C-alpha atoms as a PDB file:
ATOM      1  CA  UNK A   1       0.000   0.000   0.000  1.00  0.00           C
ATOM      2  CA  UNK A   2       1.341   3.435  -0.899  1.00  0.00           C
ATOM      3  CA  UNK A   3       1.492   6.191   1.671  1.00  0.00           C
ATOM      4  CA  UNK A   4      -0.562   8.474  -0.617  1.00  0.00           C
ATOM      5  CA  UNK A   5      -3.636   6.236  -0.270  1.00  0.00           C
ATOM      6  CA  UNK A   6      -4.232   7.361   3.339  1.00  0.00           C
ATOM      7  CA  UNK A   7      -2.989  10.843   4.049  1.00  0.00           C
ATOM      8  CA  UNK A   8      -3.071  12.333   7.513  1.00  0.00           C
ATOM      9  CA  UNK A   9      -4.614  15.584   6.268  1.00  0.00           C
ATOM     10  CA  UNK A  10      -7.496  13.764   4.579  1.00  0.00           C
ATOM     11  CA  UNK A  11      -8.188  11.621   7.639  1.00  0.00           C
ATOM     12  CA  UNK A  12      -8.232  14.704   9.869  1.00  0.00           C
ATOM     13  CA  UNK A  13     -10.611  16.517   7.497  1.00  0.00           C
ATOM     14  CA  UNK A  14     -13.055  13.579   7.574  1.00  0.00           C
ATOM     15  CA  UNK A  15     -12.961  13.386  11.364  1.00  0.00           C
ATOM     16  CA  UNK A  16     -13.424  17.129  11.637  1.00  0.00           C
ATOM     17  CA  UNK A  17     -16.430  17.122   9.296  1.00  0.00           C
ATOM     18  CA  UNK A  18     -18.011  14.173  11.084  1.00  0.00           C
ATOM     19  CA  UNK A  19     -17.940  15.856  14.486  1.00  0.00           C
ATOM     20  CA  UNK A  20     -21.483  16.990  15.380  1.00  0.00           C
ATOM     21  CA  UNK A  21     -22.546  20.111  17.284  1.00  0.00           C
ATOM     22  CA  UNK A  22     -19.144  21.748  17.069  1.00  0.00           C
ATOM     23  CA  UNK A  23     -19.026  25.044  18.942  1.00  0.00           C
ATOM     24  CA  UNK A  24     -17.441  28.089  17.369  1.00  0.00           C
ATOM     25  CA  UNK A  25     -15.416  28.879  20.490  1.00  0.00           C
ATOM     26  CA  UNK A  26     -13.702  26.688  23.036  1.00  0.00           C
ATOM     27  CA  UNK A  27     -11.933  27.365  26.241  1.00  0.00           C
ATOM     28  CA  UNK A  28      -8.214  26.664  26.357  1.00  0.00           C
ATOM     29  CA  UNK A  29      -8.761  23.480  28.329  1.00  0.00           C
ATOM     30  CA  UNK A  30     -11.423  22.278  25.897  1.00  0.00           C
ATOM     31  CA  UNK A  31      -9.230  23.101  22.887  1.00  0.00           C
ATOM     32  CA  UNK A  32      -6.331  21.077  24.316  1.00  0.00           C
ATOM     33  CA  UNK A  33      -8.614  18.125  24.981  1.00  0.00           C
ATOM     34  CA  UNK A  34     -10.190  18.222  21.496  1.00  0.00           C
ATOM     35  CA  UNK A  35      -6.782  18.500  19.809  1.00  0.00           C
ATOM     36  CA  UNK A  36      -5.364  15.556  21.701  1.00  0.00           C
ATOM     37  CA  UNK A  37      -8.450  13.442  20.978  1.00  0.00           C
ATOM     38  CA  UNK A  38      -8.609  14.175  17.242  1.00  0.00           C
ATOM     39  CA  UNK A  39      -4.891  13.662  16.575  1.00  0.00           C
ATOM     40  CA  UNK A  40      -4.961  10.390  18.480  1.00  0.00           C
ATOM     41  CA  UNK A  41      -7.852   9.140  16.333  1.00  0.00           C
ATOM     42  CA  UNK A  42      -6.084  10.298  13.147  1.00  0.00           C
ATOM     43  CA  UNK A  43      -3.017   8.192  13.849  1.00  0.00           C
ATOM     44  CA  UNK A  44      -5.098   5.187  14.919  1.00  0.00           C
ATOM     45  CA  UNK A  45      -7.016   5.207  11.629  1.00  0.00           C
ATOM     46  CA  UNK A  46      -3.842   5.747   9.603  1.00  0.00           C
ATOM     47  CA  UNK A  47      -2.077   2.875  11.358  1.00  0.00           C
ATOM     48  CA  UNK A  48      -5.054   0.562  10.756  1.00  0.00           C
ATOM     49  CA  UNK A  49      -4.721   1.220   7.002  1.00  0.00           C
ATOM     50  CA  UNK A  50      -0.932   0.999   6.942  1.00  0.00           C
ATOM     51  CA  UNK A  51      -0.624  -2.770   6.621  1.00  0.00           C
ATOM     52  CA  UNK A  52       2.363  -3.726   4.528  1.00  0.00           C
ATOM     53  CA  UNK A  53       4.406  -0.612   5.235  1.00  0.00           C
ATOM     54  CA  UNK A  54       7.786  -1.077   6.895  1.00  0.00           C
ATOM     55  CA  UNK A  55       7.929  -0.598  10.623  1.00  0.00           C
ATOM     56  CA  UNK A  56      10.306   2.330  10.432  1.00  0.00           C
ATOM     57  CA  UNK A  57       7.850   4.212   8.199  1.00  0.00           C
ATOM     58  CA  UNK A  58       5.009   3.755  10.717  1.00  0.00           C
ATOM     59  CA  UNK A  59       7.256   4.866  13.563  1.00  0.00           C
ATOM     60  CA  UNK A  60       8.244   7.986  11.646  1.00  0.00           C
ATOM     61  CA  UNK A  61       4.600   8.917  10.988  1.00  0.00           C
ATOM     62  CA  UNK A  62       3.730   8.330  14.641  1.00  0.00           C
ATOM     63  CA  UNK A  63       6.561  10.627  15.738  1.00  0.00           C
ATOM     64  CA  UNK A  64       5.453  13.326  13.280  1.00  0.00           C
ATOM     65  CA  UNK A  65       1.850  13.267  14.546  1.00  0.00           C
ATOM     66  CA  UNK A  66       3.110  13.366  18.125  1.00  0.00           C
ATOM     67  CA  UNK A  67       5.233  16.412  17.291  1.00  0.00           C
ATOM     68  CA  UNK A  68       2.192  18.234  15.885  1.00  0.00           C
ATOM     69  CA  UNK A  69       0.156  17.313  18.970  1.00  0.00           C
ATOM     70  CA  UNK A  70       2.803  18.546  21.397  1.00  0.00           C
ATOM     71  CA  UNK A  71       3.348  21.802  19.504  1.00  0.00           C
ATOM     72  CA  UNK A  72      -0.366  22.673  19.388  1.00  0.00           C
ATOM     73  CA  UNK A  73      -1.184  21.636  22.949  1.00  0.00           C
ATOM     74  CA  UNK A  74       1.806  23.409  24.485  1.00  0.00           C
ATOM     75  CA  UNK A  75       0.956  26.552  22.543  1.00  0.00           C
ATOM     76  CA  UNK A  76      -2.620  26.460  23.844  1.00  0.00           C
ATOM     77  CA  UNK A  77      -1.523  25.806  27.400  1.00  0.00           C
ATOM     78  CA  UNK A  78       0.691  28.882  27.299  1.00  0.00           C
ATOM     79  CA  UNK A  79      -2.355  31.146  26.879  1.00  0.00           C
ATOM     80  CA  UNK A  80      -3.274  32.928  30.112  1.00  0.00           C
ATOM     81  CA  UNK A  81      -5.922  35.473  31.063  1.00  0.00           C
ATOM     82  CA  UNK A  82      -4.797  39.076  31.267  1.00  0.00           C
ATOM     83  CA  UNK A  83      -3.988  40.410  34.749  1.00  0.00           C
ATOM     84  CA  UNK A  84      -6.617  42.822  36.197  1.00  0.00           C
ATOM     85  CA  UNK A  85      -5.789  46.511  35.957  1.00  0.00           C
ATOM     86  CA  UNK A  86      -5.046  48.078  39.393  1.00  0.00           C
ATOM     87  CA  UNK A  87      -7.538  50.799  40.418  1.00  0.00           C
ATOM     88  CA  UNK A  88      -4.865  53.531  40.725  1.00  0.00           C
ATOM     89  CA  UNK A  89      -2.949  52.737  37.590  1.00  0.00           C
ATOM     90  CA  UNK A  90      -0.919  55.671  36.268  1.00  0.00           C
ATOM     91  CA  UNK A  91      -2.446  57.541  33.401  1.00  0.00           C
ATOM     92  CA  UNK A  92      -0.329  57.145  30.284  1.00  0.00           C
ATOM     93  CA  UNK A  93      -0.258  60.942  29.734  1.00  0.00           C
ATOM     94  CA  UNK A  94       0.389  62.307  33.241  1.00  0.00           C
ATOM     95  CA  UNK A  95       2.511  59.526  34.706  1.00  0.00           C
ATOM     96  CA  UNK A  96       1.840  59.552  38.494  1.00  0.00           C
ATOM     97  CA  UNK A  97      -1.534  58.284  39.739  1.00  0.00           C
ATOM     98  CA  UNK A  98      -4.163  60.800  40.690  1.00  0.00           C
ATOM     99  CA  UNK A  99      -6.229  60.408  43.868  1.00  0.00           C
ATOM    100  CA  UNK A 100      -9.846  59.713  43.237  1.00  0.00           C
ATOM    101  CA  UNK A 101     -11.980  62.462  44.844  1.00  0.00           C
ATOM    102  CA  UNK A 102     -15.767  62.703  44.981  1.00  0.00           C
ATOM    103  CA  UNK A 103     -16.892  65.040  42.240  1.00  0.00           C
ATOM    104  CA  UNK A 104     -19.645  66.641  44.421  1.00  0.00           C
ATOM    105  CA  UNK A 105     -18.355  69.608  46.558  1.00  0.00           C
ATOM    106  CA  UNK A 106     -21.110  69.050  49.160  1.00  0.00           C
ATOM    107  CA  UNK A 107     -19.931  65.538  49.738  1.00  0.00           C
ATOM    108  CA  UNK A 108     -16.397  66.792  50.184  1.00  0.00           C
ATOM    109  CA  UNK A 109     -17.613  69.414  52.692  1.00  0.00           C
ATOM    110  CA  UNK A 110     -19.590  66.933  54.764  1.00  0.00           C
ATOM    111  CA  UNK A 111     -16.594  64.632  54.891  1.00  0.00           C
ATOM    112  CA  UNK A 112     -14.533  67.562  56.109  1.00  0.00           C
ATOM    113  CA  UNK A 113     -11.859  66.855  53.632  1.00  0.00           C
ATOM    114  CA  UNK A 114     -10.206  64.635  56.187  1.00  0.00           C
ATOM    115  CA  UNK A 115      -8.304  61.606  54.925  1.00  0.00           C
ATOM    116  CA  UNK A 116      -8.167  60.096  51.533  1.00  0.00           C
ATOM    117  CA  UNK A 117     -11.365  59.124  49.832  1.00  0.00           C
ATOM    118  CA  UNK A 118     -12.113  55.407  49.706  1.00  0.00           C
ATOM    119  CA  UNK A 119     -10.772  53.645  46.641  1.00  0.00           C
ATOM    120  CA  UNK A 120     -13.226  52.903  43.855  1.00  0.00           C
ATOM    121  CA  UNK A 121     -14.622  49.499  43.203  1.00  0.00           C
ATOM    122  CA  UNK A 122     -12.193  47.077  41.584  1.00  0.00           C
ATOM    123  CA  UNK A 123     -12.814  46.569  37.848  1.00  0.00           C
ATOM    124  CA  UNK A 124     -14.425  43.301  36.844  1.00  0.00           C
ATOM    125  CA  UNK A 125     -12.007  40.527  35.867  1.00  0.00           C
ATOM    126  CA  UNK A 126     -11.336  40.160  32.129  1.00  0.00           C
ATOM    127  CA  UNK A 127     -13.207  37.396  30.346  1.00  0.00           C
ATOM    128  CA  UNK A 128     -11.336  34.103  30.010  1.00  0.00           C
ATOM    129  CA  UNK A 129      -9.528  33.583  26.705  1.00  0.00           C
ATOM    130  CA  UNK A 130     -11.325  31.598  24.056  1.00  0.00           C
ATOM    131  CA  UNK A 131     -10.038  29.608  21.096  1.00  0.00           C
ATOM    132  CA  UNK A 132     -11.690  29.887  17.712  1.00  0.00           C
ATOM    133  CA  UNK A 133     -12.418  26.312  16.705  1.00  0.00           C
ATOM    134  CA  UNK A 134     -12.211  26.756  12.938  1.00  0.00           C
ATOM    135  CA  UNK A 135      -8.880  28.559  13.062  1.00  0.00           C
ATOM    136  CA  UNK A 136      -7.435  25.960  15.404  1.00  0.00           C
ATOM    137  CA  UNK A 137      -8.465  23.027  13.240  1.00  0.00           C
ATOM    138  CA  UNK A 138      -7.356  24.791  10.045  1.00  0.00           C
ATOM    139  CA  UNK A 139      -3.886  25.167  11.524  1.00  0.00           C
ATOM    140  CA  UNK A 140      -3.773  21.512  12.575  1.00  0.00           C
ATOM    141  CA  UNK A 141      -4.889  20.403   9.105  1.00  0.00           C
ATOM    142  CA  UNK A 142      -2.165  22.494   7.454  1.00  0.00           C
ATOM    143  CA  UNK A 143       0.457  20.980   9.743  1.00  0.00           C
ATOM    144  CA  UNK A 144      -0.676  17.439   8.873  1.00  0.00           C
ATOM    145  CA  UNK A 145      -0.641  18.260   5.149  1.00  0.00           C
ATOM    146  CA  UNK A 146       2.962  19.406   5.533  1.00  0.00           C
ATOM    147  CA  UNK A 147       3.762  16.042   7.140  1.00  0.00           C
ATOM    148  CA  UNK A 148       2.085  14.291   4.196  1.00  0.00           C
ATOM    149  CA  UNK A 149       4.190  16.210   1.666  1.00  0.00           C
ATOM    150  CA  UNK A 150       7.341  15.355   3.540  1.00  0.00           C
ATOM    151  CA  UNK A 151       6.606  11.627   3.559  1.00  0.00           C
ATOM    152  CA  UNK A 152       5.450  11.646  -0.063  1.00  0.00           C
ATOM    153  CA  UNK A 153       8.754  13.160  -1.159  1.00  0.00           C
ATOM    154  CA  UNK A 154      10.544  10.556   0.954  1.00  0.00           C
ATOM    155  CA  UNK A 155       8.600   7.746  -0.737  1.00  0.00           C
ATOM    156  CA  UNK A 156       9.320   9.160  -4.206  1.00  0.00           C
ATOM    157  CA  UNK A 157      13.057   9.439  -3.597  1.00  0.00           C
ATOM    158  CA  UNK A 158      15.051   6.418  -4.803  1.00  0.00           C
ATOM    159  CA  UNK A 159      16.581   4.332  -2.060  1.00  0.00           C
ATOM    160  CA  UNK A 160      20.227   4.951  -1.440  1.00  0.00           C
ATOM    161  CA  UNK A 161      22.900   2.410  -2.089  1.00  0.00           C
ATOM    162  CA  UNK A 162      23.465   0.112   0.886  1.00  0.00           C
ATOM    163  CA  UNK A 163      26.713   0.401   2.734  1.00  0.00           C
ATOM    164  CA  UNK A 164      29.392  -2.087   1.793  1.00  0.00           C
ATOM    165  CA  UNK A 165      29.347  -3.790   5.167  1.00  0.00           C
ATOM    166  CA  UNK A 166      25.572  -4.382   4.832  1.00  0.00           C
ATOM    167  CA  UNK A 167      25.876  -6.195   1.474  1.00  0.00           C
ATOM    168  CA  UNK A 168      26.482  -9.830   2.441  1.00  0.00           C
ATOM    169  CA  UNK A 169      27.385 -10.922  -1.098  1.00  0.00           C
ATOM    170  CA  UNK A 170      29.951  -8.180  -1.477  1.00  0.00           C
ATOM    171  CA  UNK A 171      31.464  -8.901   1.927  1.00  0.00           C
ATOM    172  CA  UNK A 172      31.758 -12.594   1.036  1.00  0.00           C
ATOM    173  CA  UNK A 173      33.535 -11.873  -2.265  1.00  0.00           C
ATOM    174  CA  UNK A 174      35.892  -9.357  -0.690  1.00  0.00           C
ATOM    175  CA  UNK A 175      36.704 -11.778   2.092  1.00  0.00           C
ATOM    176  CA  UNK A 176      37.521 -14.507  -0.433  1.00  0.00           C
ATOM    177  CA  UNK A 177      39.762 -12.242  -2.511  1.00  0.00           C
ATOM    178  CA  UNK A 178      41.610 -11.018   0.549  1.00  0.00           C
ATOM    179  CA  UNK A 179      42.093 -14.614   1.687  1.00  0.00           C
ATOM    180  CA  UNK A 180      43.533 -15.532  -1.724  1.00  0.00           C
ATOM    181  CA  UNK A 181      45.902 -12.578  -1.567  1.00  0.00           C
ATOM    182  CA  UNK A 182      47.022 -13.554   1.924  1.00  0.00           C
ATOM    183  CA  UNK A 183      47.733 -17.108   0.778  1.00  0.00           C
ATOM    184  CA  UNK A 184      49.356 -15.991  -2.449  1.00  0.00           C
ATOM    185  CA  UNK A 185      47.087 -18.323  -4.436  1.00  0.00           C
ATOM    186  CA  UNK A 186      46.208 -17.094  -7.958  1.00  0.00           C
ATOM    187  CA  UNK A 187      43.984 -20.132  -8.515  1.00  0.00           C
ATOM    188  CA  UNK A 188      41.862 -19.316  -5.461  1.00  0.00           C
ATOM    189  CA  UNK A 189      41.570 -15.676  -6.520  1.00  0.00           C
ATOM    190  CA  UNK A 190      40.497 -16.714 -10.017  1.00  0.00           C
ATOM    191  CA  UNK A 191      37.864 -19.067  -8.594  1.00  0.00           C
ATOM    192  CA  UNK A 192      36.458 -16.224  -6.459  1.00  0.00           C
ATOM    193  CA  UNK A 193      36.301 -13.945  -9.479  1.00  0.00           C
ATOM    194  CA  UNK A 194      34.390 -16.584 -11.453  1.00  0.00           C
ATOM    195  CA  UNK A 195      31.898 -16.987  -8.608  1.00  0.00           C
ATOM    196  CA  UNK A 196      31.547 -13.208  -8.461  1.00  0.00           C
ATOM    197  CA  UNK A 197      30.688 -13.124 -12.166  1.00  0.00           C
ATOM    198  CA  UNK A 198      27.942 -15.693 -11.638  1.00  0.00           C
ATOM    199  CA  UNK A 199      26.507 -13.799  -8.651  1.00  0.00           C
ATOM    200  CA  UNK A 200      26.491 -10.546 -10.582  1.00  0.00           C
ATOM    201  CA  UNK A 201      24.506 -12.184 -13.356  1.00  0.00           C
ATOM    202  CA  UNK A 202      22.034 -14.140 -11.212  1.00  0.00           C
ATOM    203  CA  UNK A 203      21.480 -11.781  -8.283  1.00  0.00           C
ATOM    204  CA  UNK A 204      22.239  -8.307  -9.646  1.00  0.00           C
ATOM    205  CA  UNK A 205      21.383  -8.622 -13.341  1.00  0.00           C
ATOM    206  CA  UNK A 206      24.864  -7.490 -14.398  1.00  0.00           C
ATOM    207  CA  UNK A 207      26.462  -9.163 -17.414  1.00  0.00           C
ATOM    208  CA  UNK A 208      30.050  -9.280 -18.672  1.00  0.00           C
ATOM    209  CA  UNK A 209      30.334  -8.940 -22.465  1.00  0.00           C
ATOM    210  CA  UNK A 210      33.385 -10.252 -24.356  1.00  0.00           C
ATOM    211  CA  UNK A 211      34.127  -8.653 -27.724  1.00  0.00           C
ATOM    212  CA  UNK A 212      32.863 -10.530 -30.765  1.00  0.00           C
ATOM    213  CA  UNK A 213      33.681  -8.999 -34.191  1.00  0.00           C
ATOM    214  CA  UNK A 214      30.668 -10.752 -35.725  1.00  0.00           C
ATOM    215  CA  UNK A 215      28.217  -9.077 -33.322  1.00  0.00           C
ATOM    216  CA  UNK A 216      27.013  -5.741 -34.789  1.00  0.00           C
ATOM    217  CA  UNK A 217      26.144  -4.404 -31.324  1.00  0.00           C
ATOM    218  CA  UNK A 218      29.781  -4.519 -30.197  1.00  0.00           C
ATOM    219  CA  UNK A 219      30.586  -0.942 -31.150  1.00  0.00           C
ATOM    220  CA  UNK A 220      32.439   1.932 -29.529  1.00  0.00           C
ATOM    221  CA  UNK A 221      29.540   2.267 -27.105  1.00  0.00           C
ATOM    222  CA  UNK A 222      30.554  -1.000 -25.448  1.00  0.00           C
ATOM    223  CA  UNK A 223      34.304  -1.064 -26.083  1.00  0.00           C
ATOM    224  CA  UNK A 224      37.235   1.295 -26.415  1.00  0.00           C
ATOM    225  CA  UNK A 225      39.231   0.266 -29.482  1.00  0.00           C
ATOM    226  CA  UNK A 226      42.979   0.789 -29.813  1.00  0.00           C
ATOM    227  CA  UNK A 227      43.987   1.453 -33.450  1.00  0.00           C
ATOM    228  CA  UNK A 228      44.167  -0.342 -35.787  1.00  0.00           C
ATOM    229  CA  UNK A 229      41.474  -2.354 -33.993  1.00  0.00           C
ATOM    230  CA  UNK A 230      37.954  -1.249 -34.950  1.00  0.00           C
ATOM    231  CA  UNK A 231      34.375  -2.509 -34.617  1.00  0.00           C
ATOM    232  CA  UNK A 232      33.786  -5.482 -36.884  1.00  0.00           C
ATOM    233  CA  UNK A 233      37.489  -6.340 -37.200  1.00  0.00           C
ATOM    234  CA  UNK A 234      39.237  -9.127 -35.323  1.00  0.00           C
ATOM    235  CA  UNK A 235      40.789  -7.961 -32.090  1.00  0.00           C
ATOM    236  CA  UNK A 236      41.922  -9.112 -28.688  1.00  0.00           C
ATOM    237  CA  UNK A 237      39.482  -8.369 -25.840  1.00  0.00           C
ATOM    238  CA  UNK A 238      41.685  -7.238 -22.999  1.00  0.00           C
ATOM    239  CA  UNK A 239      38.862  -6.059 -20.690  1.00  0.00           C
ATOM    240  CA  UNK A 240      35.209  -7.195 -21.000  1.00  0.00           C
ATOM    241  CA  UNK A 241      32.362  -4.709 -20.857  1.00  0.00           C
ATOM    242  CA  UNK A 242      30.020  -4.647 -17.849  1.00  0.00           C
ATOM    243  CA  UNK A 243      26.338  -3.928 -18.552  1.00  0.00           C
ATOM    244  CA  UNK A 244      23.052  -3.904 -16.653  1.00  0.00           C
ATOM    245  CA  UNK A 245      20.220  -4.302 -19.115  1.00  0.00           C
ATOM    246  CA  UNK A 246      20.606  -1.510 -21.668  1.00  0.00           C
ATOM    247  CA  UNK A 247      22.920   0.515 -19.423  1.00  0.00           C
ATOM    248  CA  UNK A 248      26.676   0.288 -19.950  1.00  0.00           C
ATOM    249  CA  UNK A 249      28.300   0.349 -16.526  1.00  0.00           C
ATOM    250  CA  UNK A 250      31.902   0.006 -17.717  1.00  0.00           C
ATOM    251  CA  UNK A 251      33.286  -0.119 -21.263  1.00  0.00           C
ATOM    252  CA  UNK A 252      35.593  -2.894 -22.321  1.00  0.00           C
ATOM    253  CA  UNK A 253      38.953  -2.612 -24.084  1.00  0.00           C
ATOM    254  CA  UNK A 254      39.882  -4.180 -27.442  1.00  0.00           C
ATOM    255  CA  UNK A 255      43.500  -4.318 -28.668  1.00  0.00           C
ATOM    256  CA  UNK A 256      44.684  -5.157 -32.193  1.00  0.00           C
ATOM    257  CA  UNK A 257      45.843  -8.663 -32.942  1.00  0.00           C
ATOM    258  CA  UNK A 258      49.648  -9.104 -33.019  1.00  0.00           C
ATOM    259  CA  UNK A 259      51.265  -9.131 -36.478  1.00  0.00           C
ATOM    260  CA  UNK A 260      52.156 -12.628 -37.800  1.00  0.00           C
ATOM    261  CA  UNK A 261      55.820 -13.481 -37.287  1.00  0.00           C
ATOM    262  CA  UNK A 262      58.080 -14.628 -40.237  1.00  0.00           C
ATOM    263  CA  UNK A 263      59.191 -18.277 -40.293  1.00  0.00           C
ATOM    264  CA  UNK A 264      62.666 -18.605 -38.713  1.00  0.00           C
ATOM    265  CA  UNK A 265      65.552 -19.819 -40.982  1.00  0.00           C
ATOM    266  CA  UNK A 266      66.499 -23.492 -40.859  1.00  0.00           C
ATOM    267  CA  UNK A 267      69.330 -24.280 -38.502  1.00  0.00           C
ATOM    268  CA  UNK A 268      71.179 -27.453 -37.644  1.00  0.00           C
ATOM    269  CA  UNK A 269      73.832 -29.756 -39.127  1.00  0.00           C
ATOM    270  CA  UNK A 270      71.626 -30.807 -42.046  1.00  0.00           C
ATOM    271  CA  UNK A 271      70.551 -27.344 -43.129  1.00  0.00           C
ATOM    272  CA  UNK A 272      71.715 -26.439 -46.636  1.00  0.00           C
ATOM    273  CA  UNK A 273      73.797 -23.256 -46.623  1.00  0.00           C
ATOM    274  CA  UNK A 274      74.861 -21.865 -50.016  1.00  0.00           C
ATOM    275  CA  UNK A 275      75.316 -18.509 -51.602  1.00  0.00           C
ATOM    276  CA  UNK A 276      75.444 -19.926 -55.157  1.00  0.00           C
ATOM    277  CA  UNK A 277      72.547 -20.080 -57.552  1.00  0.00           C
ATOM    278  CA  UNK A 278      71.214 -23.498 -58.457  1.00  0.00           C
ATOM    279  CA  UNK A 279      73.518 -25.482 -60.787  1.00  0.00           C
ATOM    280  CA  UNK A 280      76.675 -23.671 -59.698  1.00  0.00           C
ATOM    281  CA  UNK A 281      79.130 -24.037 -56.909  1.00  0.00           C
ATOM    282  CA  UNK A 282      81.812 -26.579 -55.996  1.00  0.00           C
ATOM    283  CA  UNK A 283      79.356 -29.482 -55.964  1.00  0.00           C
ATOM    284  CA  UNK A 284      77.750 -28.746 -59.312  1.00  0.00           C
ATOM    285  CA  UNK A 285      78.010 -31.539 -61.973  1.00  0.00           C
ATOM    286  CA  UNK A 286      79.954 -30.388 -65.069  1.00  0.00           C
ATOM    287  CA  UNK A 287      79.574 -32.243 -68.469  1.00  0.00           C
ATOM    288  CA  UNK A 288      80.383 -31.503 -72.128  1.00  0.00           C
ATOM    289  CA  UNK A 289      77.303 -33.279 -73.377  1.00  0.00           C
ATOM    290  CA  UNK A 290      74.148 -31.387 -73.896  1.00  0.00           C
ATOM    291  CA  UNK A 291      71.277 -32.386 -71.803  1.00  0.00           C
ATOM    292  CA  UNK A 292      69.537 -35.455 -73.012  1.00  0.00           C
ATOM    293  CA  UNK A 293      66.651 -34.764 -75.286  1.00  0.00           C
ATOM    294  CA  UNK A 294      63.302 -36.238 -74.719  1.00  0.00           C
ATOM    295  CA  UNK A 295      62.821 -39.696 -76.323  1.00  0.00           C
ATOM    296  CA  UNK A 296      61.233 -39.524 -79.776  1.00  0.00           C
ATOM    297  CA  UNK A 297      58.314 -41.622 -80.851  1.00  0.00           C
ATOM    298  CA  UNK A 298      58.902 -44.508 -83.319  1.00  0.00           C
ATOM    299  CA  UNK A 299      58.162 -43.673 -86.986  1.00  0.00           C
ATOM    300  CA  UNK A 300      54.910 -44.832 -88.409  1.00  0.00           C
ATOM    301  CA  UNK A 301      54.898 -48.094 -90.381  1.00  0.00           C
ATOM    302  CA  UNK A 302      56.344 -47.863 -93.937  1.00  0.00           C
ATOM    303  CA  UNK A 303      58.678 -44.980 -93.160  1.00  0.00           C
ATOM    304  CA  UNK A 304      62.408 -45.611 -92.712  1.00  0.00           C
ATOM    305  CA  UNK A 305      63.930 -44.881 -89.355  1.00  0.00           C
ATOM    306  CA  UNK A 306      66.300 -41.901 -89.514  1.00  0.00           C
ATOM    307  CA  UNK A 307      70.000 -42.673 -89.179  1.00  0.00           C
ATOM    308  CA  UNK A 308      71.819 -41.387 -86.113  1.00  0.00           C
ATOM    309  CA  UNK A 309      74.153 -38.460 -86.699  1.00  0.00           C
ATOM    310  CA  UNK A 310      77.839 -39.227 -87.326  1.00  0.00           C
ATOM    311  CA  UNK A 311      80.713 -37.589 -85.564  1.00  0.00           C
ATOM    312  CA  UNK A 312      81.760 -35.725 -88.716  1.00  0.00           C
ATOM    313  CA  UNK A 313      78.330 -34.652 -89.601  1.00  0.00           C
END
């Protein structure tokens, strides 16, 4: 269930609208009691609909609602009635207080002017402070909507990468590689790397790609080519590419193939060493006779055989 399906502001608005016979004004004590009651019911209804959410999310929402409750209730409890004005308060224009004297001269004469006149009656106490219900609940609703926006932005943010020490697979691979280095065993290190490649593919969806000149997708996007190596030409894959779906995490490296080496000259006791052209040299056969001609075919029947040449002829 997403957090947006049950917002605190919406729950508070429904509870506020469902309350019957709501008075326009409340005393401070009544306002504190109503605030505490409504916010408690808001969180109870939200928690009842929050099945499937992680425990830390529910705890965070509970703490946020509690913070709103404490802020509102403490603010209301700080409201006090105004102190009564003393009967002989100084006038703001004259400064010192003036004695209150009867305005009738006859009264002053009968009293003989002796002593100070009695003080006037004390003013009535000020009315107790009241809280406007609509304004109070509007403020609480705005505070809960701010909490909703905060948690919605938290839910929309992508989760951060886990710390290395919290990734069990990574810790296992690192431990194996460090063990191989401590033992000085290349075979053990290679076996750990092979297991890491399998885990990356099966558990993380990460693939290693080895360069294939016959694959048209193996371009400069996947590999960095060192001239004269180029996409589509044979080359030596020095580093494979690492991909996750369509995303290239790390490019591979392709080097050119080494040039073919010339065949080495024959060596040994039976190797023929000569600087003379064929048919010459100290071991060449010398003769005064011309090379033998190819044997001729016998003459056809009825024709005489030609005589061999004489020495004179």
